[in-house]
Amino acid sequence: MLQSLDKILFFDIETAPSVAEFGLLNEEMQHLWTEKYGKLADRNPERYAQTAEKGWQEAGVYAEFARVVCMYSVFRHLRTILTAAKLRECSTKKKTSDGYRYIVRRT
């Protein structure tokens, strides 16, 4: 039997490619993305029909090629939203963990 969810914390993490354009990556990262994109194209050629360079905008969904740009969390308690916080762009882990500490303290 399913127990009641009195308290639940939701996280939504938005990501984007680590750099704006494929050409801004160093050679090693370009090679790694090209290799990854090739494997994706082998599994799903219709979706990944373009070149790895043109497919760079999809890189943000893969952790090794992404950066966090926004985090959103909602804490629900007894069906009432108690806390909702939206964090600014996170460029360092310290900012991210400080933001989480803030959210946890507020709830």
Protein backbone atom coordinates (compact mmCIF):
# COMPACT_ATOMS: atom_id res chain seq x y z
CA MET A 1 0.00 0.00 0.00
CA LEU A 2 1.31 3.47 -0.91
CA GLN A 3 2.07 5.63 2.10
CA SER A 4 1.12 9.29 2.21
CA LEU A 5 3.78 11.75 1.05
CA ASP A 6 3.57 14.35 3.80
CA LYS A 7 6.91 15.95 2.97
CA ILE A 8 8.62 15.94 -0.40
CA LEU A 9 11.38 18.04 -1.95
CA PHE A 10 11.47 18.51 -5.73
CA PHE A 11 14.58 19.65 -7.64
CA ASP A 12 14.70 20.89 -11.21
CA ILE A 13 18.20 21.48 -12.55
CA GLU A 14 18.55 23.29 -15.88
CA THR A 15 21.76 22.75 -17.81
CA ALA A 16 23.38 24.09 -20.96
CA PRO A 17 26.46 23.13 -22.98
CA SER A 18 29.67 24.03 -21.13
CA VAL A 19 30.63 26.55 -23.84
CA ALA A 20 28.47 28.41 -26.35
CA GLU A 21 30.04 26.96 -29.51
CA PHE A 22 31.76 23.70 -30.39
CA GLY A 23 34.80 25.62 -31.69
CA LEU A 24 35.46 27.04 -28.21
CA LEU A 25 36.20 23.57 -26.80
CA ASN A 26 39.80 22.43 -26.48
CA GLU A 27 40.92 19.66 -28.83
CA GLU A 28 40.46 16.89 -26.27
CA MET A 29 36.87 17.90 -25.47
CA GLN A 30 36.09 18.27 -29.21
CA HIS A 31 37.37 14.74 -29.75
CA LEU A 32 35.35 13.38 -26.80
CA TRP A 33 32.14 15.08 -28.00
CA THR A 34 32.66 13.87 -31.57
CA GLU A 35 33.14 10.32 -30.26
CA LYS A 36 30.04 10.55 -28.02
CA TYR A 37 27.95 12.07 -30.81
CA GLY A 38 29.06 9.30 -33.17
CA LYS A 39 27.85 6.67 -30.71
CA LEU A 40 24.54 8.49 -30.32
CA ALA A 41 24.17 8.62 -34.11
CA ASP A 42 24.86 4.88 -34.38
CA ARG A 43 21.97 4.18 -31.98
CA ASN A 44 19.55 6.74 -33.43
CA PRO A 45 20.64 7.93 -36.89
CA GLU A 46 17.45 9.87 -37.59
CA ARG A 47 17.78 12.06 -34.51
CA TYR A 48 21.55 12.57 -34.79
CA ALA A 49 21.85 12.99 -38.55
CA GLN A 50 23.90 16.18 -38.47
CA THR A 51 27.60 16.63 -37.67
CA ALA A 52 28.91 16.60 -34.10
CA GLU A 53 29.67 20.32 -34.41
CA LYS A 54 26.09 21.15 -35.41
CA GLY A 55 24.76 18.87 -32.69
CA TRP A 56 26.70 20.68 -29.96
CA GLN A 57 23.59 22.48 -28.66
CA GLU A 58 22.32 19.11 -27.38
CA ALA A 59 25.47 18.61 -25.29
CA GLY A 60 23.90 20.24 -22.25
CA VAL A 61 21.91 17.11 -21.41
CA TYR A 62 25.12 15.08 -20.90
CA ALA A 63 26.83 15.81 -17.58
CA GLU A 64 30.37 15.61 -18.94
CA PHE A 65 29.62 18.42 -21.44
CA ALA A 66 27.22 20.55 -19.40
CA ARG A 67 27.09 23.30 -16.81
CA VAL A 68 24.31 24.12 -14.39
CA VAL A 69 22.56 27.38 -15.27
CA CYS A 70 19.58 27.33 -12.94
CA MET A 71 18.22 25.31 -10.05
CA TYR A 72 14.70 25.37 -8.76
CA SER A 73 13.36 23.56 -5.74
CA VAL A 74 10.00 23.26 -4.09
CA PHE A 75 9.37 21.76 -0.68
CA ARG A 76 5.81 20.55 -0.17
CA HIS A 77 4.41 19.79 3.22
CA LEU A 78 0.87 18.50 3.60
CA ARG A 79 -0.02 19.71 0.10
CA THR A 80 1.06 23.28 0.82
CA ILE A 81 4.10 24.83 -0.79
CA LEU A 82 6.25 26.17 2.02
CA THR A 83 9.38 27.21 0.18
CA ALA A 84 10.24 27.86 -3.43
CA ALA A 85 13.64 29.22 -4.28
CA LYS A 86 15.24 29.90 -7.60
CA LEU A 87 19.02 30.12 -7.65
CA ARG A 88 20.96 32.34 -10.01
CA GLU A 89 23.38 30.89 -12.51
CA CYS A 90 25.73 28.57 -10.71
CA SER A 91 29.30 28.84 -11.87
CA THR A 92 30.94 27.11 -8.91
CA LYS A 93 30.09 24.22 -6.62
CA LYS A 94 30.37 26.54 -3.60
CA LYS A 95 27.55 28.75 -4.87
CA THR A 96 25.45 25.67 -5.58
CA SER A 97 25.97 24.11 -2.15
CA ASP A 98 25.39 27.46 -0.41
CA GLY A 99 22.08 27.73 -2.24
CA TYR A 100 21.02 24.26 -1.12
CA ARG A 101 21.95 25.06 2.49
CA TYR A 102 19.76 28.16 2.24
CA ILE A 103 16.83 26.13 0.94
CA VAL A 104 17.19 23.48 3.63
CA ARG A 105 17.42 26.09 6.40
CA ARG A 106 14.27 27.81 5.09
CA THR A 107 12.26 24.60 5.12
